[in-house]
Amino acid sequence: MVLLIDTNLIIDYLAEREQFKTTVDKLFDYILSNRVSGCLAAHSVTNMWYILRKLMTAEKRRELFLSILGTFDVIALDKQKLISALERRNFTDFEDCLQDECAQDAHADYIVTRNKKDFQWSKVKALTPEEMLELM
């Protein structure tokens, strides 16, 4: 099974957000133990780098990101994905639409996100971490 992990879950994990820690840790245990494959969209890395700048130093982010990139496959953005996402007018959030484009490219079974409602038009089914853990 291939899971595209949305940016918000990686941030939860790296920032050790207490309210999400148990669920995200369990989900990541499945990925780290190779029971499922995890991937993330390339643009998630740049978004996370920027978002986490206030929580940790560049050196700490560099260390954590190198670890994450050693675990997850990274799905590249290209011109066709960008055009396709721009043409999908039913998606209100461009970044989420790009997540779906990357999930399709990765042949992901699911997108795992805390913002499931943002993926109502997704071609790849979105599940919350809790729903994903229940399914596994």
N, C-alpha and C. Protein backbone atom coordinates (compact mmCIF):
# COMPACT_ATOMS: atom_id res chain seq x y z
N MET A 1 0.84 -1.18 0.00
CA MET A 1 0.00 0.00 0.00
C MET A 1 0.89 1.24 0.00
N VAL A 2 0.51 2.22 -0.82
CA VAL A 2 1.26 3.46 -0.92
C VAL A 2 0.41 4.60 -0.38
N LEU A 3 0.99 5.39 0.52
CA LEU A 3 0.30 6.51 1.13
C LEU A 3 1.04 7.80 0.83
N LEU A 4 0.33 8.79 0.30
CA LEU A 4 0.91 10.12 0.19
C LEU A 4 0.55 10.85 1.48
N ILE A 5 1.57 11.28 2.18
CA ILE A 5 1.37 11.94 3.47
C ILE A 5 1.34 13.45 3.24
N ASP A 6 0.25 14.08 3.65
CA ASP A 6 0.08 15.51 3.47
C ASP A 6 1.07 16.27 4.37
N THR A 7 1.37 17.46 3.94
CA THR A 7 2.33 18.32 4.64
C THR A 7 2.01 18.48 6.12
N ASN A 8 0.72 18.64 6.44
CA ASN A 8 0.36 18.91 7.84
C ASN A 8 0.77 17.78 8.78
N LEU A 9 0.76 16.55 8.29
CA LEU A 9 1.14 15.42 9.16
C LEU A 9 2.65 15.36 9.38
N ILE A 10 3.40 15.69 8.36
CA ILE A 10 4.86 15.71 8.52
C ILE A 10 5.24 16.82 9.51
N ILE A 11 4.57 17.96 9.40
CA ILE A 11 4.83 19.04 10.35
C ILE A 11 4.46 18.61 11.77
N ASP A 12 3.31 17.95 11.92
CA ASP A 12 2.92 17.44 13.24
C ASP A 12 4.03 16.55 13.82
N TYR A 13 4.57 15.70 12.98
CA TYR A 13 5.60 14.75 13.41
C TYR A 13 6.90 15.49 13.78
N LEU A 14 7.36 16.35 12.89
CA LEU A 14 8.63 17.04 13.13
C LEU A 14 8.55 18.03 14.28
N ALA A 15 7.40 18.69 14.41
CA ALA A 15 7.23 19.68 15.47
C ALA A 15 6.77 19.03 16.78
N GLU A 16 6.55 17.73 16.76
CA GLU A 16 6.12 16.98 17.94
C GLU A 16 4.91 17.62 18.59
N ARG A 17 3.91 17.91 17.77
CA ARG A 17 2.66 18.50 18.27
C ARG A 17 1.91 17.48 19.11
N GLU A 18 1.81 17.77 20.39
CA GLU A 18 1.27 16.82 21.38
C GLU A 18 -0.13 16.31 21.03
N GLN A 19 -1.03 17.17 20.57
CA GLN A 19 -2.40 16.75 20.33
C GLN A 19 -2.52 15.74 19.18
N PHE A 20 -1.48 15.63 18.35
CA PHE A 20 -1.51 14.69 17.22
C PHE A 20 -0.46 13.60 17.34
N LYS A 21 0.36 13.66 18.38
CA LYS A 21 1.54 12.80 18.50
C LYS A 21 1.24 11.31 18.44
N THR A 22 0.31 10.83 19.20
CA THR A 22 0.04 9.39 19.26
C THR A 22 -0.38 8.84 17.90
N THR A 23 -1.31 9.51 17.26
CA THR A 23 -1.81 9.04 15.97
C THR A 23 -0.73 9.11 14.89
N VAL A 24 -0.06 10.23 14.81
CA VAL A 24 0.97 10.40 13.78
C VAL A 24 2.13 9.43 14.02
N ASP A 25 2.52 9.24 15.28
CA ASP A 25 3.59 8.29 15.58
C ASP A 25 3.22 6.87 15.13
N LYS A 26 1.99 6.47 15.36
CA LYS A 26 1.55 5.13 14.93
C LYS A 26 1.59 5.01 13.41
N LEU A 27 1.10 6.03 12.74
CA LEU A 27 1.11 6.02 11.27
C LEU A 27 2.54 5.94 10.75
N PHE A 28 3.43 6.74 11.32
CA PHE A 28 4.81 6.74 10.87
C PHE A 28 5.52 5.42 11.21
N ASP A 29 5.11 4.77 12.27
CA ASP A 29 5.67 3.46 12.60
C ASP A 29 5.40 2.46 11.47
N TYR A 30 4.22 2.51 10.89
CA TYR A 30 3.90 1.65 9.75
C TYR A 30 4.83 1.92 8.58
N ILE A 31 5.11 3.19 8.35
CA ILE A 31 5.99 3.56 7.23
C ILE A 31 7.44 3.20 7.54
N LEU A 32 7.90 3.53 8.73
CA LEU A 32 9.29 3.25 9.10
C LEU A 32 9.60 1.77 9.15
N SER A 33 8.58 0.94 9.45
CA SER A 33 8.79 -0.50 9.50
C SER A 33 8.51 -1.17 8.14
N ASN A 34 8.30 -0.35 7.12
CA ASN A 34 8.07 -0.82 5.75
C ASN A 34 6.82 -1.68 5.59
N ARG A 35 5.84 -1.52 6.49
CA ARG A 35 4.57 -2.23 6.32
C ARG A 35 3.72 -1.55 5.27
N VAL A 36 3.94 -0.26 5.06
CA VAL A 36 3.34 0.50 3.97
C VAL A 36 4.42 1.44 3.43
N SER A 37 4.24 1.90 2.20
CA SER A 37 5.19 2.85 1.62
C SER A 37 4.64 4.26 1.80
N GLY A 38 5.50 5.15 2.20
CA GLY A 38 5.11 6.54 2.36
C GLY A 38 5.79 7.41 1.33
N CYS A 39 5.04 8.36 0.82
CA CYS A 39 5.64 9.32 -0.10
C CYS A 39 5.10 10.70 0.23
N LEU A 40 5.80 11.70 -0.25
CA LEU A 40 5.36 13.07 -0.06
C LEU A 40 5.67 13.86 -1.32
N ALA A 41 4.90 14.91 -1.52
CA ALA A 41 5.09 15.78 -2.67
C ALA A 41 6.31 16.66 -2.45
N ALA A 42 7.08 16.90 -3.51
CA ALA A 42 8.30 17.70 -3.39
C ALA A 42 8.03 19.08 -2.82
N HIS A 43 6.90 19.67 -3.19
CA HIS A 43 6.63 21.02 -2.69
C HIS A 43 6.35 21.02 -1.19
N SER A 44 6.03 19.89 -0.61
CA SER A 44 5.85 19.80 0.84
C SER A 44 7.14 20.14 1.57
N VAL A 45 8.26 19.74 0.99
CA VAL A 45 9.55 19.98 1.64
C VAL A 45 9.82 21.48 1.76
N THR A 46 9.62 22.20 0.68
CA THR A 46 9.87 23.64 0.73
C THR A 46 8.87 24.35 1.64
N ASN A 47 7.62 23.90 1.60
CA ASN A 47 6.60 24.49 2.49
C ASN A 47 6.97 24.25 3.96
N MET A 48 7.39 23.03 4.28
CA MET A 48 7.74 22.71 5.66
C MET A 48 8.98 23.47 6.12
N TRP A 49 9.95 23.60 5.23
CA TRP A 49 11.17 24.34 5.56
C TRP A 49 10.80 25.74 6.03
N TYR A 50 9.91 26.39 5.30
CA TYR A 50 9.48 27.75 5.62
C TYR A 50 8.66 27.77 6.91
N ILE A 51 7.69 26.89 7.03
CA ILE A 51 6.79 26.88 8.19
C ILE A 51 7.55 26.61 9.49
N LEU A 52 8.50 25.70 9.45
CA LEU A 52 9.22 25.29 10.66
C LEU A 52 10.36 26.22 11.06
N ARG A 53 10.61 27.25 10.28
CA ARG A 53 11.75 28.13 10.55
C ARG A 53 11.65 28.82 11.91
N LYS A 54 10.42 29.04 12.39
CA LYS A 54 10.25 29.72 13.68
C LYS A 54 10.35 28.76 14.85
N LEU A 55 10.30 27.46 14.57
CA LEU A 55 10.34 26.46 15.64
C LEU A 55 11.72 25.85 15.84
N MET A 56 12.55 25.90 14.79
CA MET A 56 13.86 25.25 14.91
C MET A 56 14.87 25.89 13.98
N THR A 57 16.12 25.70 14.30
CA THR A 57 17.20 26.28 13.51
C THR A 57 17.28 25.61 12.14
N ALA A 58 17.98 26.27 11.25
CA ALA A 58 18.20 25.70 9.91
C ALA A 58 18.95 24.37 10.02
N GLU A 59 19.91 24.30 10.93
CA GLU A 59 20.68 23.06 11.08
C GLU A 59 19.79 21.91 11.58
N LYS A 60 18.92 22.19 12.52
CA LYS A 60 18.00 21.17 13.03
C LYS A 60 17.04 20.72 11.92
N ARG A 61 16.50 21.68 11.16
CA ARG A 61 15.62 21.33 10.04
C ARG A 61 16.36 20.47 9.02
N ARG A 62 17.58 20.87 8.72
CA ARG A 62 18.38 20.12 7.75
C ARG A 62 18.54 18.66 8.20
N GLU A 63 18.86 18.47 9.46
CA GLU A 63 19.03 17.13 10.04
C GLU A 63 17.72 16.32 9.95
N LEU A 64 16.61 16.93 10.36
CA LEU A 64 15.32 16.24 10.33
C LEU A 64 14.87 15.93 8.90
N PHE A 65 15.06 16.88 8.00
CA PHE A 65 14.62 16.67 6.62
C PHE A 65 15.45 15.58 5.94
N LEU A 66 16.74 15.53 6.22
CA LEU A 66 17.55 14.46 5.65
C LEU A 66 17.05 13.10 6.14
N SER A 67 16.64 13.02 7.38
CA SER A 67 16.08 11.78 7.91
C SER A 67 14.76 11.44 7.23
N ILE A 68 13.87 12.41 7.12
CA ILE A 68 12.57 12.20 6.46
C ILE A 68 12.78 11.76 5.01
N LEU A 69 13.69 12.41 4.31
CA LEU A 69 13.93 12.09 2.90
C LEU A 69 14.57 10.71 2.73
N GLY A 70 15.19 10.22 3.79
CA GLY A 70 15.72 8.86 3.75
C GLY A 70 14.63 7.81 3.91
N THR A 71 13.47 8.23 4.36
CA THR A 71 12.36 7.31 4.64
C THR A 71 11.28 7.36 3.57
N PHE A 72 10.97 8.55 3.07
CA PHE A 72 9.87 8.74 2.15
C PHE A 72 10.35 8.88 0.71
N ASP A 73 9.55 8.36 -0.21
CA ASP A 73 9.76 8.67 -1.62
C ASP A 73 9.26 10.09 -1.83
N VAL A 74 9.89 10.82 -2.72
CA VAL A 74 9.48 12.19 -3.01
C VAL A 74 8.98 12.24 -4.44
N ILE A 75 7.78 12.78 -4.60
CA ILE A 75 7.16 12.86 -5.92
C ILE A 75 7.37 14.26 -6.46
N ALA A 76 8.03 14.33 -7.61
CA ALA A 76 8.41 15.61 -8.20
C ALA A 76 7.22 16.35 -8.80
N LEU A 77 7.35 17.66 -8.80
CA LEU A 77 6.42 18.51 -9.54
C LEU A 77 6.99 18.74 -10.92
N ASP A 78 6.13 18.85 -11.88
CA ASP A 78 6.56 19.20 -13.22
C ASP A 78 5.50 20.07 -13.87
N LYS A 79 5.79 20.52 -15.05
CA LYS A 79 4.88 21.42 -15.75
C LYS A 79 3.49 20.81 -15.92
N GLN A 80 3.42 19.53 -16.28
CA GLN A 80 2.12 18.90 -16.51
C GLN A 80 1.27 18.84 -15.24
N LYS A 81 1.89 18.53 -14.11
CA LYS A 81 1.13 18.50 -12.85
C LYS A 81 0.62 19.90 -12.50
N LEU A 82 1.45 20.91 -12.72
CA LEU A 82 1.04 22.28 -12.44
C LEU A 82 -0.13 22.71 -13.33
N ILE A 83 -0.04 22.41 -14.60
CA ILE A 83 -1.12 22.75 -15.53
C ILE A 83 -2.39 22.00 -15.15
N SER A 84 -2.27 20.72 -14.90
CA SER A 84 -3.43 19.93 -14.53
C SER A 84 -4.10 20.48 -13.27
N ALA A 85 -3.31 20.83 -12.28
CA ALA A 85 -3.86 21.38 -11.03
C ALA A 85 -4.54 22.72 -11.28
N LEU A 86 -3.96 23.54 -12.12
CA LEU A 86 -4.56 24.84 -12.43
C LEU A 86 -5.88 24.68 -13.18
N GLU A 87 -5.98 23.64 -13.98
CA GLU A 87 -7.21 23.41 -14.76
C GLU A 87 -8.33 22.80 -13.94
N ARG A 88 -8.02 22.26 -12.79
CA ARG A 88 -9.04 21.63 -11.93
C ARG A 88 -9.68 22.69 -11.04
N ARG A 89 -10.61 23.40 -11.59
CA ARG A 89 -11.23 24.54 -10.93
C ARG A 89 -12.11 24.16 -9.75
N ASN A 90 -12.49 22.90 -9.64
CA ASN A 90 -13.32 22.47 -8.51
C ASN A 90 -12.53 22.41 -7.21
N PHE A 91 -11.21 22.34 -7.28
CA PHE A 91 -10.35 22.36 -6.09
C PHE A 91 -10.17 23.80 -5.66
N THR A 92 -10.48 24.12 -4.43
CA THR A 92 -10.33 25.49 -3.97
C THR A 92 -8.91 25.80 -3.50
N ASP A 93 -8.15 24.79 -3.13
CA ASP A 93 -6.79 24.99 -2.63
C ASP A 93 -5.79 24.39 -3.62
N PHE A 94 -5.02 25.25 -4.27
CA PHE A 94 -4.06 24.82 -5.28
C PHE A 94 -3.05 23.83 -4.71
N GLU A 95 -2.55 24.10 -3.51
CA GLU A 95 -1.54 23.22 -2.90
C GLU A 95 -2.11 21.82 -2.67
N ASP A 96 -3.35 21.73 -2.22
CA ASP A 96 -3.97 20.42 -2.03
C ASP A 96 -4.18 19.71 -3.37
N CYS A 97 -4.52 20.47 -4.39
CA CYS A 97 -4.68 19.87 -5.71
C CYS A 97 -3.34 19.30 -6.20
N LEU A 98 -2.26 20.01 -5.92
CA LEU A 98 -0.93 19.48 -6.27
C LEU A 98 -0.63 18.20 -5.49
N GLN A 99 -1.08 18.13 -4.24
CA GLN A 99 -0.91 16.89 -3.47
C GLN A 99 -1.60 15.73 -4.21
N ASP A 100 -2.82 15.98 -4.69
CA ASP A 100 -3.55 14.95 -5.42
C ASP A 100 -2.84 14.58 -6.72
N GLU A 101 -2.33 15.57 -7.43
CA GLU A 101 -1.58 15.28 -8.67
C GLU A 101 -0.38 14.39 -8.37
N CYS A 102 0.33 14.69 -7.29
CA CYS A 102 1.50 13.88 -6.90
C CYS A 102 1.06 12.49 -6.45
N ALA A 103 -0.05 12.40 -5.74
CA ALA A 103 -0.56 11.10 -5.29
C ALA A 103 -0.90 10.22 -6.50
N GLN A 104 -1.49 10.81 -7.51
CA GLN A 104 -1.81 10.05 -8.72
C GLN A 104 -0.53 9.54 -9.38
N ASP A 105 0.47 10.41 -9.48
CA ASP A 105 1.74 10.04 -10.10
C ASP A 105 2.42 8.90 -9.33
N ALA A 106 2.26 8.90 -8.03
CA ALA A 106 2.88 7.87 -7.19
C ALA A 106 2.06 6.58 -7.14
N HIS A 107 0.89 6.60 -7.78
CA HIS A 107 -0.05 5.48 -7.70
C HIS A 107 -0.40 5.18 -6.24
N ALA A 108 -0.56 6.27 -5.48
CA ALA A 108 -0.90 6.13 -4.06
C ALA A 108 -2.31 5.57 -3.92
N ASP A 109 -2.47 4.76 -2.90
CA ASP A 109 -3.79 4.23 -2.59
C ASP A 109 -4.63 5.27 -1.85
N TYR A 110 -3.95 6.08 -1.03
CA TYR A 110 -4.64 7.08 -0.22
C TYR A 110 -3.75 8.29 0.00
N ILE A 111 -4.40 9.43 0.20
CA ILE A 111 -3.75 10.62 0.74
C ILE A 111 -4.15 10.66 2.21
N VAL A 112 -3.18 10.81 3.08
CA VAL A 112 -3.48 10.87 4.51
C VAL A 112 -3.27 12.32 4.96
N THR A 113 -4.34 12.89 5.53
CA THR A 113 -4.35 14.31 5.86
C THR A 113 -5.26 14.57 7.05
N ARG A 114 -5.00 15.65 7.76
CA ARG A 114 -5.93 16.09 8.79
C ARG A 114 -7.05 16.92 8.18
N ASN A 115 -6.86 17.39 6.95
CA ASN A 115 -7.84 18.26 6.30
C ASN A 115 -8.58 17.52 5.18
N LYS A 116 -9.23 16.46 5.53
CA LYS A 116 -9.91 15.61 4.56
C LYS A 116 -10.91 16.38 3.70
N LYS A 117 -11.62 17.32 4.29
CA LYS A 117 -12.66 18.07 3.56
C LYS A 117 -12.06 18.84 2.38
N ASP A 118 -10.79 19.20 2.46
CA ASP A 118 -10.13 19.92 1.37
C ASP A 118 -9.87 19.04 0.15
N PHE A 119 -10.09 17.74 0.31
CA PHE A 119 -9.80 16.79 -0.76
C PHE A 119 -11.07 16.15 -1.32
N GLN A 120 -12.20 16.82 -1.19
CA GLN A 120 -13.46 16.23 -1.66
C GLN A 120 -13.45 15.98 -3.16
N TRP A 121 -12.64 16.73 -3.93
CA TRP A 121 -12.56 16.55 -5.38
C TRP A 121 -11.32 15.75 -5.79
N SER A 122 -10.65 15.19 -4.85
CA SER A 122 -9.43 14.44 -5.11
C SER A 122 -9.72 13.15 -5.88
N LYS A 123 -8.83 12.85 -6.80
CA LYS A 123 -8.95 11.59 -7.55
C LYS A 123 -8.43 10.42 -6.71
N VAL A 124 -7.53 10.71 -5.78
CA VAL A 124 -7.05 9.70 -4.83
C VAL A 124 -7.79 9.95 -3.52
N LYS A 125 -8.38 8.91 -2.98
CA LYS A 125 -9.19 9.05 -1.77
C LYS A 125 -8.34 9.55 -0.61
N ALA A 126 -8.90 10.52 0.11
CA ALA A 126 -8.23 11.07 1.29
C ALA A 126 -8.84 10.48 2.55
N LEU A 127 -7.97 10.16 3.49
CA LEU A 127 -8.38 9.64 4.80
C LEU A 127 -7.66 10.42 5.89
N THR A 128 -8.29 10.52 7.04
CA THR A 128 -7.61 11.09 8.19
C THR A 128 -6.62 10.03 8.72
N PRO A 129 -5.67 10.44 9.54
CA PRO A 129 -4.76 9.44 10.12
C PRO A 129 -5.51 8.37 10.92
N GLU A 130 -6.56 8.79 11.62
CA GLU A 130 -7.34 7.83 12.42
C GLU A 130 -8.03 6.82 11.50
N GLU A 131 -8.60 7.29 10.41
CA GLU A 131 -9.25 6.38 9.45
C GLU A 131 -8.23 5.43 8.82
N MET A 132 -7.06 5.97 8.52
CA MET A 132 -6.01 5.13 7.92
C MET A 132 -5.57 4.05 8.88
N LEU A 133 -5.36 4.40 10.14
CA LEU A 133 -4.95 3.41 11.13
C LEU A 133 -6.03 2.35 11.33
N GLU A 134 -7.27 2.75 11.30
CA GLU A 134 -8.37 1.80 11.43
C GLU A 134 -8.37 0.84 10.25
N LEU A 135 -8.11 1.34 9.07
CA LEU A 135 -8.07 0.51 7.86
C LEU A 135 -6.90 -0.48 7.90
N MET A 136 -5.78 -0.06 8.48
CA MET A 136 -4.60 -0.93 8.53
C MET A 136 -4.77 -1.96 9.62
